[in-house]
C-alpha atoms as a PDB file:
ATOM      1  CA  UNK A   1    -152.783  -9.139  64.466  1.00  0.00           C
ATOM      2  CA  UNK A   2    -154.687  -5.994  65.205  1.00  0.00           C
ATOM      3  CA  UNK A   3    -157.700  -4.831  63.220  1.00  0.00           C
ATOM      4  CA  UNK A   4    -157.253  -2.519  60.330  1.00  0.00           C
ATOM      5  CA  UNK A   5    -159.104   0.671  60.665  1.00  0.00           C
ATOM      6  CA  UNK A   6    -161.988   1.187  58.165  1.00  0.00           C
ATOM      7  CA  UNK A   7    -160.475   4.187  56.643  1.00  0.00           C
ATOM      8  CA  UNK A   8    -157.318   2.339  55.816  1.00  0.00           C
ATOM      9  CA  UNK A   9    -159.241  -0.558  54.228  1.00  0.00           C
ATOM     10  CA  UNK A  10    -161.033   2.009  52.097  1.00  0.00           C
ATOM     11  CA  UNK A  11    -157.810   3.790  51.098  1.00  0.00           C
ATOM     12  CA  UNK A  12    -156.321   0.365  50.237  1.00  0.00           C
ATOM     13  CA  UNK A  13    -159.242  -0.666  48.097  1.00  0.00           C
ATOM     14  CA  UNK A  14    -159.174   2.711  46.264  1.00  0.00           C
ATOM     15  CA  UNK A  15    -155.433   2.303  45.506  1.00  0.00           C
ATOM     16  CA  UNK A  16    -156.090  -1.271  44.125  1.00  0.00           C
ATOM     17  CA  UNK A  17    -158.793   0.050  41.919  1.00  0.00           C
ATOM     18  CA  UNK A  18    -156.722   2.926  40.708  1.00  0.00           C
ATOM     19  CA  UNK A  19    -153.820   0.642  39.872  1.00  0.00           C
ATOM     20  CA  UNK A  20    -156.051  -1.834  37.834  1.00  0.00           C
ATOM     21  CA  UNK A  21    -155.344  -1.545  34.122  1.00  0.00           C
ATOM     22  CA  UNK A  22    -158.182  -0.490  31.919  1.00  0.00           C
ATOM     23  CA  UNK A  23    -160.447  -3.098  30.619  1.00  0.00           C
ATOM     24  CA  UNK A  24    -161.026  -3.511  26.974  1.00  0.00           C
ATOM     25  CA  UNK A  25    -164.441  -2.335  25.899  1.00  0.00           C
ATOM     26  CA  UNK A  26    -166.693  -4.470  23.757  1.00  0.00           C
ATOM     27  CA  UNK A  27    -165.461  -4.796  20.111  1.00  0.00           C
ATOM     28  CA  UNK A  28    -168.503  -5.949  18.450  1.00  0.00           C
ATOM     29  CA  UNK A  29    -168.384  -5.741  14.518  1.00  0.00           C
ATOM     30  CA  UNK A  30    -166.973  -4.522  11.361  1.00  0.00           C
ATOM     31  CA  UNK A  31    -167.530  -0.828  10.929  1.00  0.00           C
ATOM     32  CA  UNK A  32    -166.291  -0.302   7.602  1.00  0.00           C
ATOM     33  CA  UNK A  33    -163.517  -0.345   4.899  1.00  0.00           C
ATOM     34  CA  UNK A  34    -162.177   2.862   3.547  1.00  0.00           C
ATOM     35  CA  UNK A  35    -160.784   2.991   0.030  1.00  0.00           C
ATOM     36  CA  UNK A  36    -159.534   5.433  -2.438  1.00  0.00           C
ATOM     37  CA  UNK A  37    -161.363   6.041  -5.761  1.00  0.00           C
ATOM     38  CA  UNK A  38    -160.027   7.796  -8.918  1.00  0.00           C
ATOM     39  CA  UNK A  39    -163.528   8.581 -10.128  1.00  0.00           C
ATOM     40  CA  UNK A  40    -166.130   8.988  -7.353  1.00  0.00           C
ATOM     41  CA  UNK A  41    -168.937   9.047  -9.878  1.00  0.00           C
ATOM     42  CA  UNK A  42    -168.117   5.544 -11.141  1.00  0.00           C
ATOM     43  CA  UNK A  43    -167.724   4.324  -7.542  1.00  0.00           C
ATOM     44  CA  UNK A  44    -171.273   5.828  -6.656  1.00  0.00           C
ATOM     45  CA  UNK A  45    -172.835   3.825  -9.515  1.00  0.00           C
ATOM     46  CA  UNK A  46    -171.128   0.703  -8.472  1.00  0.00           C
ATOM     47  CA  UNK A  47    -172.002   1.003  -4.663  1.00  0.00           C
ATOM     48  CA  UNK A  48    -175.569   2.413  -5.057  1.00  0.00           C
ATOM     49  CA  UNK A  49    -176.864   0.882  -8.283  1.00  0.00           C
ATOM     50  CA  UNK A  50    -174.966  -2.431  -8.391  1.00  0.00           C
ATOM     51  CA  UNK A  51    -174.686  -3.164  -4.500  1.00  0.00           C
ATOM     52  CA  UNK A  52    -177.753  -1.264  -3.372  1.00  0.00           C
ATOM     53  CA  UNK A  53    -176.013   0.835  -0.640  1.00  0.00           C
ATOM     54  CA  UNK A  54    -177.329   4.139   0.614  1.00  0.00           C
ATOM     55  CA  UNK A  55    -175.033   7.119  -0.126  1.00  0.00           C
ATOM     56  CA  UNK A  56    -174.749   9.552   2.808  1.00  0.00           C
ATOM     57  CA  UNK A  57    -172.332  12.390   3.632  1.00  0.00           C
ATOM     58  CA  UNK A  58    -168.903  11.452   5.394  1.00  0.00           C
ATOM     59  CA  UNK A  59    -168.874  13.034   8.820  1.00  0.00           C
ATOM     60  CA  UNK A  60    -165.143  12.103   9.086  1.00  0.00           C
ATOM     61  CA  UNK A  61    -163.911  13.491   5.777  1.00  0.00           C
ATOM     62  CA  UNK A  62    -166.063  15.996   3.819  1.00  0.00           C
ATOM     63  CA  UNK A  63    -164.244  15.069   0.633  1.00  0.00           C
ATOM     64  CA  UNK A  64    -165.472  11.580   1.024  1.00  0.00           C
ATOM     65  CA  UNK A  65    -168.634   9.639   0.901  1.00  0.00           C
ATOM     66  CA  UNK A  66    -170.174   6.645   2.853  1.00  0.00           C
ATOM     67  CA  UNK A  67    -172.153   3.905   1.252  1.00  0.00           C
ATOM     68  CA  UNK A  68    -174.139   2.325   3.890  1.00  0.00           C
ATOM     69  CA  UNK A  69    -175.268  -1.452   4.099  1.00  0.00           C
ATOM     70  CA  UNK A  70    -176.770  -0.973   7.508  1.00  0.00           C
ATOM     71  CA  UNK A  71    -177.021   1.876   9.946  1.00  0.00           C
ATOM     72  CA  UNK A  72    -173.487   0.983  11.410  1.00  0.00           C
ATOM     73  CA  UNK A  73    -171.655  -0.445   8.366  1.00  0.00           C
ATOM     74  CA  UNK A  74    -170.509   1.056   5.215  1.00  0.00           C
ATOM     75  CA  UNK A  75    -167.797   1.480   2.736  1.00  0.00           C
ATOM     76  CA  UNK A  76    -165.996   4.791   2.812  1.00  0.00           C
ATOM     77  CA  UNK A  77    -164.854   6.130  -0.558  1.00  0.00           C
ATOM     78  CA  UNK A  78    -162.137   8.791  -0.557  1.00  0.00           C
ATOM     79  CA  UNK A  79    -160.760  10.621  -3.436  1.00  0.00           C
ATOM     80  CA  UNK A  80    -157.226   9.765  -4.410  1.00  0.00           C
ATOM     81  CA  UNK A  81    -154.814  12.262  -2.779  1.00  0.00           C
ATOM     82  CA  UNK A  82    -153.081  14.641  -5.058  1.00  0.00           C
ATOM     83  CA  UNK A  83    -149.842  13.225  -6.316  1.00  0.00           C
ATOM     84  CA  UNK A  84    -150.611   9.715  -5.003  1.00  0.00           C
ATOM     85  CA  UNK A  85    -148.704   7.136  -6.958  1.00  0.00           C
ATOM     86  CA  UNK A  86    -149.150   3.927  -4.926  1.00  0.00           C
ATOM     87  CA  UNK A  87    -151.112   0.972  -6.407  1.00  0.00           C
ATOM     88  CA  UNK A  88    -152.686   0.572  -2.956  1.00  0.00           C
ATOM     89  CA  UNK A  89    -156.387   1.672  -2.759  1.00  0.00           C
ATOM     90  CA  UNK A  90    -156.856   0.800   1.016  1.00  0.00           C
ATOM     91  CA  UNK A  91    -156.872   3.680   3.467  1.00  0.00           C
ATOM     92  CA  UNK A  92    -157.920   1.808   6.689  1.00  0.00           C
ATOM     93  CA  UNK A  93    -160.050  -0.982   7.945  1.00  0.00           C
ATOM     94  CA  UNK A  94    -162.430  -0.099  10.892  1.00  0.00           C
ATOM     95  CA  UNK A  95    -164.275  -1.827  13.733  1.00  0.00           C
ATOM     96  CA  UNK A  96    -167.140  -0.869  16.066  1.00  0.00           C
ATOM     97  CA  UNK A  97    -166.681  -0.538  19.771  1.00  0.00           C
ATOM     98  CA  UNK A  98    -168.869   0.488  22.527  1.00  0.00           C
ATOM     99  CA  UNK A  99    -166.620   3.230  23.852  1.00  0.00           C
ATOM    100  CA  UNK A 100    -163.853   4.785  21.717  1.00  0.00           C
ATOM    101  CA  UNK A 101    -162.230   6.628  24.534  1.00  0.00           C
ATOM    102  CA  UNK A 102    -162.062   3.487  26.695  1.00  0.00           C
ATOM    103  CA  UNK A 103    -160.563   1.601  23.725  1.00  0.00           C
ATOM    104  CA  UNK A 104    -157.969   4.416  23.380  1.00  0.00           C
ATOM    105  CA  UNK A 105    -156.973   4.046  27.012  1.00  0.00           C
ATOM    106  CA  UNK A 106    -156.993   0.186  26.826  1.00  0.00           C
ATOM    107  CA  UNK A 107    -154.660   0.216  23.948  1.00  0.00           C
ATOM    108  CA  UNK A 108    -152.400   2.820  25.439  1.00  0.00           C
ATOM    109  CA  UNK A 109    -152.029   0.618  28.648  1.00  0.00           C
ATOM    110  CA  UNK A 110    -150.846  -2.194  26.344  1.00  0.00           C
ATOM    111  CA  UNK A 111    -148.100  -0.125  24.879  1.00  0.00           C
ATOM    112  CA  UNK A 112    -149.819   0.585  21.522  1.00  0.00           C
ATOM    113  CA  UNK A 113    -149.068   4.150  20.223  1.00  0.00           C
ATOM    114  CA  UNK A 114    -152.458   5.997  20.227  1.00  0.00           C
ATOM    115  CA  UNK A 115    -153.377   9.531  19.368  1.00  0.00           C
ATOM    116  CA  UNK A 116    -153.695  12.132  22.260  1.00  0.00           C
ATOM    117  CA  UNK A 117    -157.599  12.045  21.989  1.00  0.00           C
ATOM    118  CA  UNK A 118    -160.583  10.646  20.048  1.00  0.00           C
ATOM    119  CA  UNK A 119    -162.082  12.500  17.149  1.00  0.00           C
ATOM    120  CA  UNK A 120    -165.721  13.390  17.070  1.00  0.00           C
ATOM    121  CA  UNK A 121    -167.766  13.539  13.832  1.00  0.00           C
ATOM    122  CA  UNK A 122    -170.670  15.893  12.788  1.00  0.00           C
ATOM    123  CA  UNK A 123    -172.888  12.941  13.558  1.00  0.00           C
ATOM    124  CA  UNK A 124    -171.621  12.415  17.022  1.00  0.00           C
ATOM    125  CA  UNK A 125    -169.622   9.280  16.252  1.00  0.00           C
ATOM    126  CA  UNK A 126    -166.220   9.160  17.829  1.00  0.00           C
ATOM    127  CA  UNK A 127    -163.168   7.402  16.523  1.00  0.00           C
ATOM    128  CA  UNK A 128    -159.362   7.058  16.670  1.00  0.00           C
ATOM    129  CA  UNK A 129    -156.702   5.472  14.462  1.00  0.00           C
ATOM    130  CA  UNK A 130    -153.774   3.298  15.153  1.00  0.00           C
ATOM    131  CA  UNK A 131    -151.484   1.193  12.889  1.00  0.00           C
ATOM    132  CA  UNK A 132    -151.004  -2.523  13.226  1.00  0.00           C
ATOM    133  CA  UNK A 133    -147.662  -4.103  13.641  1.00  0.00           C
ATOM    134  CA  UNK A 134    -147.144  -3.944   9.705  1.00  0.00           C
ATOM    135  CA  UNK A 135    -148.320  -0.404   9.409  1.00  0.00           C
ATOM    136  CA  UNK A 136    -151.853  -0.850   8.167  1.00  0.00           C
ATOM    137  CA  UNK A 137    -154.152   1.895   9.495  1.00  0.00           C
ATOM    138  CA  UNK A 138    -156.828   0.569  11.773  1.00  0.00           C
ATOM    139  CA  UNK A 139    -159.669   2.607  13.189  1.00  0.00           C
ATOM    140  CA  UNK A 140    -162.019   2.020  16.147  1.00  0.00           C
ATOM    141  CA  UNK A 141    -165.396   3.593  15.753  1.00  0.00           C
ATOM    142  CA  UNK A 142    -168.028   4.411  18.522  1.00  0.00           C
ATOM    143  CA  UNK A 143    -171.253   4.766  16.383  1.00  0.00           C
ATOM    144  CA  UNK A 144    -173.482   7.867  17.009  1.00  0.00           C
ATOM    145  CA  UNK A 145    -176.223   7.603  19.455  1.00  0.00           C
ATOM    146  CA  UNK A 146    -178.760   8.264  16.691  1.00  0.00           C
ATOM    147  CA  UNK A 147    -177.842   5.999  13.784  1.00  0.00           C
ATOM    148  CA  UNK A 148    -178.556   7.176  10.206  1.00  0.00           C
ATOM    149  CA  UNK A 149    -181.542   6.142   8.285  1.00  0.00           C
ATOM    150  CA  UNK A 150    -180.630   3.567   5.640  1.00  0.00           C
ATOM    151  CA  UNK A 151    -182.941   2.104   2.964  1.00  0.00           C
ATOM    152  CA  UNK A 152    -183.527  -1.640   3.181  1.00  0.00           C
ATOM    153  CA  UNK A 153    -181.079  -3.469   0.952  1.00  0.00           C
ATOM    154  CA  UNK A 154    -182.493  -6.604  -0.590  1.00  0.00           C
ATOM    155  CA  UNK A 155    -178.929  -7.749  -1.682  1.00  0.00           C
ATOM    156  CA  UNK A 156    -177.273  -7.544   1.874  1.00  0.00           C
ATOM    157  CA  UNK A 157    -177.388  -5.593   5.049  1.00  0.00           C
ATOM    158  CA  UNK A 158    -174.338  -6.981   6.629  1.00  0.00           C
ATOM    159  CA  UNK A 159    -170.524  -6.560   6.104  1.00  0.00           C
ATOM    160  CA  UNK A 160    -169.460  -9.928   7.581  1.00  0.00           C
ATOM    161  CA  UNK A 161    -165.794  -9.417   7.173  1.00  0.00           C
ATOM    162  CA  UNK A 162    -162.889  -7.329   5.861  1.00  0.00           C
ATOM    163  CA  UNK A 163    -159.452  -8.499   4.706  1.00  0.00           C
ATOM    164  CA  UNK A 164    -156.116  -7.049   3.812  1.00  0.00           C
ATOM    165  CA  UNK A 165    -152.526  -8.187   3.268  1.00  0.00           C
ATOM    166  CA  UNK A 166    -150.081  -9.150   5.985  1.00  0.00           C
ATOM    167  CA  UNK A 167    -146.794 -10.920   6.021  1.00  0.00           C
ATOM    168  CA  UNK A 168    -146.079 -12.074   9.559  1.00  0.00           C
ATOM    169  CA  UNK A 169    -148.848 -13.913  11.371  1.00  0.00           C
ATOM    170  CA  UNK A 170    -147.057 -13.972  14.626  1.00  0.00           C
ATOM    171  CA  UNK A 171    -146.528 -10.201  14.746  1.00  0.00           C
ATOM    172  CA  UNK A 172    -150.078  -9.686  13.708  1.00  0.00           C
ATOM    173  CA  UNK A 173    -151.489 -12.029  16.263  1.00  0.00           C
ATOM    174  CA  UNK A 174    -149.562 -10.117  19.036  1.00  0.00           C
ATOM    175  CA  UNK A 175    -151.861  -7.253  18.171  1.00  0.00           C
ATOM    176  CA  UNK A 176    -155.093  -8.726  16.973  1.00  0.00           C
ATOM    177  CA  UNK A 177    -155.308 -11.787  19.077  1.00  0.00           C
ATOM    178  CA  UNK A 178    -153.310 -11.112  22.285  1.00  0.00           C
ATOM    179  CA  UNK A 179    -154.179  -7.474  22.785  1.00  0.00           C
ATOM    180  CA  UNK A 180    -157.513  -6.988  21.094  1.00  0.00           C
ATOM    181  CA  UNK A 181    -158.842 -10.586  21.811  1.00  0.00           C
ATOM    182  CA  UNK A 182    -159.850 -11.637  18.201  1.00  0.00           C
ATOM    183  CA  UNK A 183    -160.679 -15.363  18.136  1.00  0.00           C
ATOM    184  CA  UNK A 184    -159.679 -17.982  15.404  1.00  0.00           C
ATOM    185  CA  UNK A 185    -162.543 -18.785  13.034  1.00  0.00           C
ATOM    186  CA  UNK A 186    -161.013 -20.567  10.132  1.00  0.00           C
ATOM    187  CA  UNK A 187    -157.835 -20.804   7.969  1.00  0.00           C
ATOM    188  CA  UNK A 188    -157.036 -22.106   4.535  1.00  0.00           C
ATOM    189  CA  UNK A 189    -155.439 -21.515   1.204  1.00  0.00           C
ATOM    190  CA  UNK A 190    -155.111 -22.849  -2.285  1.00  0.00           C
ATOM    191  CA  UNK A 191    -152.817 -25.526  -0.819  1.00  0.00           C
ATOM    192  CA  UNK A 192    -153.877 -27.453   2.329  1.00  0.00           C
ATOM    193  CA  UNK A 193    -150.446 -27.195   3.818  1.00  0.00           C
ATOM    194  CA  UNK A 194    -150.058 -23.387   3.218  1.00  0.00           C
ATOM    195  CA  UNK A 195    -152.550 -21.293   4.985  1.00  0.00           C
ATOM    196  CA  UNK A 196    -152.636 -17.855   3.413  1.00  0.00           C
ATOM    197  CA  UNK A 197    -156.212 -16.853   4.443  1.00  0.00           C
ATOM    198  CA  UNK A 198    -156.559 -16.717   8.161  1.00  0.00           C
ATOM    199  CA  UNK A 199    -159.914 -15.504   9.636  1.00  0.00           C
ATOM    200  CA  UNK A 200    -160.231 -14.110  13.214  1.00  0.00           C
ATOM    201  CA  UNK A 201    -163.557 -13.087  14.724  1.00  0.00           C
ATOM    202  CA  UNK A 202    -164.068 -10.012  16.711  1.00  0.00           C
ATOM    203  CA  UNK A 203    -164.165 -10.762  20.338  1.00  0.00           C
ATOM    204  CA  UNK A 204    -167.835  -9.815  20.932  1.00  0.00           C
ATOM    205  CA  UNK A 205    -169.516 -10.740  17.746  1.00  0.00           C
ATOM    206  CA  UNK A 206    -169.393 -12.931  14.732  1.00  0.00           C
ATOM    207  CA  UNK A 207    -167.804 -10.636  12.108  1.00  0.00           C
ATOM    208  CA  UNK A 208    -164.181 -11.279  11.276  1.00  0.00           C
ATOM    209  CA  UNK A 209    -160.850 -10.026   9.934  1.00  0.00           C
ATOM    210  CA  UNK A 210    -159.130 -12.008   7.330  1.00  0.00           C
ATOM    211  CA  UNK A 211    -155.449 -11.876   6.971  1.00  0.00           C
ATOM    212  CA  UNK A 212    -154.354 -12.241   3.355  1.00  0.00           C
ATOM    213  CA  UNK A 213    -150.799 -13.647   3.824  1.00  0.00           C
ATOM    214  CA  UNK A 214    -148.351 -12.518   1.219  1.00  0.00           C
ATOM    215  CA  UNK A 215    -144.548 -12.360   0.833  1.00  0.00           C
ATOM    216  CA  UNK A 216    -142.220 -13.718   3.588  1.00  0.00           C
ATOM    217  CA  UNK A 217    -142.567 -13.175   7.314  1.00  0.00           C
ATOM    218  CA  UNK A 218    -139.509 -10.851   7.303  1.00  0.00           C
ATOM    219  CA  UNK A 219    -141.085  -8.200   4.993  1.00  0.00           C
ATOM    220  CA  UNK A 220    -143.696  -5.640   5.167  1.00  0.00           C
ATOM    221  CA  UNK A 221    -145.614  -3.473   2.566  1.00  0.00           C
ATOM    222  CA  UNK A 222    -146.668  -4.475  -0.958  1.00  0.00           C
ATOM    223  CA  UNK A 223    -144.463  -7.074  -2.529  1.00  0.00           C
ATOM    224  CA  UNK A 224    -142.830  -5.653  -5.655  1.00  0.00           C
ATOM    225  CA  UNK A 225    -144.233  -8.415  -7.682  1.00  0.00           C
ATOM    226  CA  UNK A 226    -147.857  -7.869  -6.693  1.00  0.00           C
ATOM    227  CA  UNK A 227    -149.950  -6.256  -9.252  1.00  0.00           C
ATOM    228  CA  UNK A 228    -152.660  -3.519  -8.517  1.00  0.00           C
ATOM    229  CA  UNK A 229    -155.263  -5.997  -9.711  1.00  0.00           C
ATOM    230  CA  UNK A 230    -154.206  -8.689  -7.313  1.00  0.00           C
ATOM    231  CA  UNK A 231    -153.879  -6.260  -4.404  1.00  0.00           C
ATOM    232  CA  UNK A 232    -157.345  -5.062  -4.956  1.00  0.00           C
ATOM    233  CA  UNK A 233    -158.575  -8.653  -4.720  1.00  0.00           C
ATOM    234  CA  UNK A 234    -156.693  -9.121  -1.304  1.00  0.00           C
ATOM    235  CA  UNK A 235    -157.686  -5.987   0.204  1.00  0.00           C
ATOM    236  CA  UNK A 236    -161.446  -6.525   0.197  1.00  0.00           C
ATOM    237  CA  UNK A 237    -164.754  -6.524   2.094  1.00  0.00           C
ATOM    238  CA  UNK A 238    -167.525  -9.146   2.161  1.00  0.00           C
ATOM    239  CA  UNK A 239    -171.291  -8.877   2.139  1.00  0.00           C
ATOM    240  CA  UNK A 240    -173.159 -11.714   3.790  1.00  0.00           C
ATOM    241  CA  UNK A 241    -176.197 -13.270   2.057  1.00  0.00           C
ATOM    242  CA  UNK A 242    -178.378 -16.259   2.824  1.00  0.00           C
ATOM    243  CA  UNK A 243    -178.261 -17.578  -0.678  1.00  0.00           C
ATOM    244  CA  UNK A 244    -175.629 -16.614  -3.476  1.00  0.00           C
ATOM    245  CA  UNK A 245    -177.951 -17.860  -6.270  1.00  0.00           C
ATOM    246  CA  UNK A 246    -180.649 -15.565  -5.141  1.00  0.00           C
ATOM    247  CA  UNK A 247    -178.196 -12.707  -4.934  1.00  0.00           C
ATOM    248  CA  UNK A 248    -176.858 -13.327  -8.284  1.00  0.00           C
ATOM    249  CA  UNK A 249    -180.351 -13.553  -9.797  1.00  0.00           C
ATOM    250  CA  UNK A 250    -181.175 -10.197  -8.137  1.00  0.00           C
ATOM    251  CA  UNK A 251    -178.017  -8.565  -9.662  1.00  0.00           C
ATOM    252  CA  UNK A 252    -178.542 -10.165 -13.160  1.00  0.00           C
ATOM    253  CA  UNK A 253    -182.195  -9.093 -13.413  1.00  0.00           C
ATOM    254  CA  UNK A 254    -181.355  -5.565 -12.165  1.00  0.00           C
ATOM    255  CA  UNK A 255    -178.649  -5.199 -14.882  1.00  0.00           C
ATOM    256  CA  UNK A 256    -176.188  -4.716 -11.967  1.00  0.00           C
ATOM    257  CA  UNK A 257    -173.322  -6.916 -13.166  1.00  0.00           C
ATOM    258  CA  UNK A 258    -171.968  -4.637 -15.961  1.00  0.00           C
ATOM    259  CA  UNK A 259    -168.210  -5.268 -16.483  1.00  0.00           C
ATOM    260  CA  UNK A 260    -168.074  -8.204 -13.964  1.00  0.00           C
ATOM    261  CA  UNK A 261    -166.587 -11.525 -15.133  1.00  0.00           C
ATOM    262  CA  UNK A 262    -167.222 -13.798 -12.043  1.00  0.00           C
ATOM    263  CA  UNK A 263    -170.069 -16.136 -11.355  1.00  0.00           C
ATOM    264  CA  UNK A 264    -170.927 -17.798  -8.139  1.00  0.00           C
ATOM    265  CA  UNK A 265    -168.528 -20.519  -7.043  1.00  0.00           C
ATOM    266  CA  UNK A 266    -167.676 -22.509  -3.843  1.00  0.00           C
ATOM    267  CA  UNK A 267    -164.633 -21.378  -2.006  1.00  0.00           C
ATOM    268  CA  UNK A 268    -162.168 -23.494  -0.237  1.00  0.00           C
ATOM    269  CA  UNK A 269    -164.034 -22.691   2.978  1.00  0.00           C
ATOM    270  CA  UNK A 270    -167.067 -24.450   1.536  1.00  0.00           C
ATOM    271  CA  UNK A 271    -169.095 -21.401   1.257  1.00  0.00           C
ATOM    272  CA  UNK A 272    -170.860 -20.122  -1.906  1.00  0.00           C
ATOM    273  CA  UNK A 273    -169.463 -16.738  -3.032  1.00  0.00           C
ATOM    274  CA  UNK A 274    -169.531 -14.167  -5.866  1.00  0.00           C
ATOM    275  CA  UNK A 275    -166.547 -11.772  -6.293  1.00  0.00           C
ATOM    276  CA  UNK A 276    -167.206  -8.445  -7.824  1.00  0.00           C
ATOM    277  CA  UNK A 277    -164.737  -5.473  -8.281  1.00  0.00           C
ATOM    278  CA  UNK A 278    -165.403  -1.857  -7.725  1.00  0.00           C
ATOM    279  CA  UNK A 279    -164.037   0.618 -10.499  1.00  0.00           C
ATOM    280  CA  UNK A 280    -160.726   0.885  -8.743  1.00  0.00           C
ATOM    281  CA  UNK A 281    -160.274  -2.966  -8.237  1.00  0.00           C
ATOM    282  CA  UNK A 282    -161.246  -3.327  -4.602  1.00  0.00           C
ATOM    283  CA  UNK A 283    -163.016  -6.673  -4.278  1.00  0.00           C
ATOM    284  CA  UNK A 284    -166.610  -6.862  -3.005  1.00  0.00           C
ATOM    285  CA  UNK A 285    -167.119 -10.500  -2.004  1.00  0.00           C
ATOM    286  CA  UNK A 286    -170.786 -11.700  -1.789  1.00  0.00           C
ATOM    287  CA  UNK A 287    -170.639 -14.684   0.627  1.00  0.00           C
ATOM    288  CA  UNK A 288    -173.079 -17.111   2.155  1.00  0.00           C
ATOM    289  CA  UNK A 289    -173.324 -17.086   5.943  1.00  0.00           C
ATOM    290  CA  UNK A 290    -172.905 -20.807   6.187  1.00  0.00           C
ATOM    291  CA  UNK A 291    -170.712 -23.521   4.598  1.00  0.00           C
ATOM    292  CA  UNK A 292    -172.528 -26.176   2.476  1.00  0.00           C
ATOM    293  CA  UNK A 293    -170.259 -28.883   3.851  1.00  0.00           C
ATOM    294  CA  UNK A 294    -166.637 -29.555   5.190  1.00  0.00           C
ATOM    295  CA  UNK A 295    -164.218 -26.788   4.371  1.00  0.00           C
ATOM    296  CA  UNK A 296    -160.543 -27.478   3.409  1.00  0.00           C
ATOM    297  CA  UNK A 297    -157.605 -27.049   5.821  1.00  0.00           C
ATOM    298  CA  UNK A 298    -159.308 -26.514   9.103  1.00  0.00           C
ATOM    299  CA  UNK A 299    -162.833 -26.671  10.773  1.00  0.00           C
ATOM    300  CA  UNK A 300    -164.788 -23.588  11.650  1.00  0.00           C
ATOM    301  CA  UNK A 301    -164.116 -22.823  15.336  1.00  0.00           C
ATOM    302  CA  UNK A 302    -166.724 -19.942  15.841  1.00  0.00           C
ATOM    303  CA  UNK A 303    -170.360 -19.157  15.284  1.00  0.00           C
ATOM    304  CA  UNK A 304    -171.337 -18.072  11.867  1.00  0.00           C
ATOM    305  CA  UNK A 305    -173.034 -14.677  11.359  1.00  0.00           C
ATOM    306  CA  UNK A 306    -176.813 -15.198  10.779  1.00  0.00           C
ATOM    307  CA  UNK A 307    -178.053 -12.174   8.806  1.00  0.00           C
END
């Protein structure tokens, strides 16, 4: 066989590189949960006074507000849209990525419907929205080069997971696991033989998404028998703490438990937790980073967050 000219080799290498599908950029952590509020002033009291978050303007939606727990993690509070009648208070869940445009191109290459371009906020952050297989809005956020200044929060500075309702694990896994690379962390439920809480860690970090399985696999949307109160418990976010007793003591002594009925308890995952509700019923779960013993249903298969 004769030698291939150098220029032909270069053209061949260039063609191979051009044909290579886009790589998935790092997907590192939870960014935020965005929820609706009927009374923004009451929400501000809950998130600032009770949970200790720092309120800042919302570069994505001027009508909203962001309540930061760290420079790159927050809860976004949006006013209820005019004429809104749904019991759902979840707008979207969001995850941080190193490169929003690269993520958009990657998802497009996998057949996911994506917008024509990424959005850019007043702070320089970049993001875009897609919907998962059951229609839940998901946002991928590239944080700004200069992160906002956030006051230290003695309660928690880390949103360790977000959760929302799903019906069909197989369909959801096709998106979250097969395309995005989320990794199993733990699963369980009120019964050992019926896992309804399924945790998947981001591929490049320790934060996780929790499927809250409801209804039957052949359905989507909010089950007609699900109350607004129970929906708010299922669609939730979780703040990580080293010690739940210390967290509860901090809240108690600061008169920050007004209207709350829960006290700390050990969950089925063997982690101490405290469940609080915002004024619209969205659950804020205070959870210890590590289990105190053996969990129900399955072992942990990933590394716990540390702080």
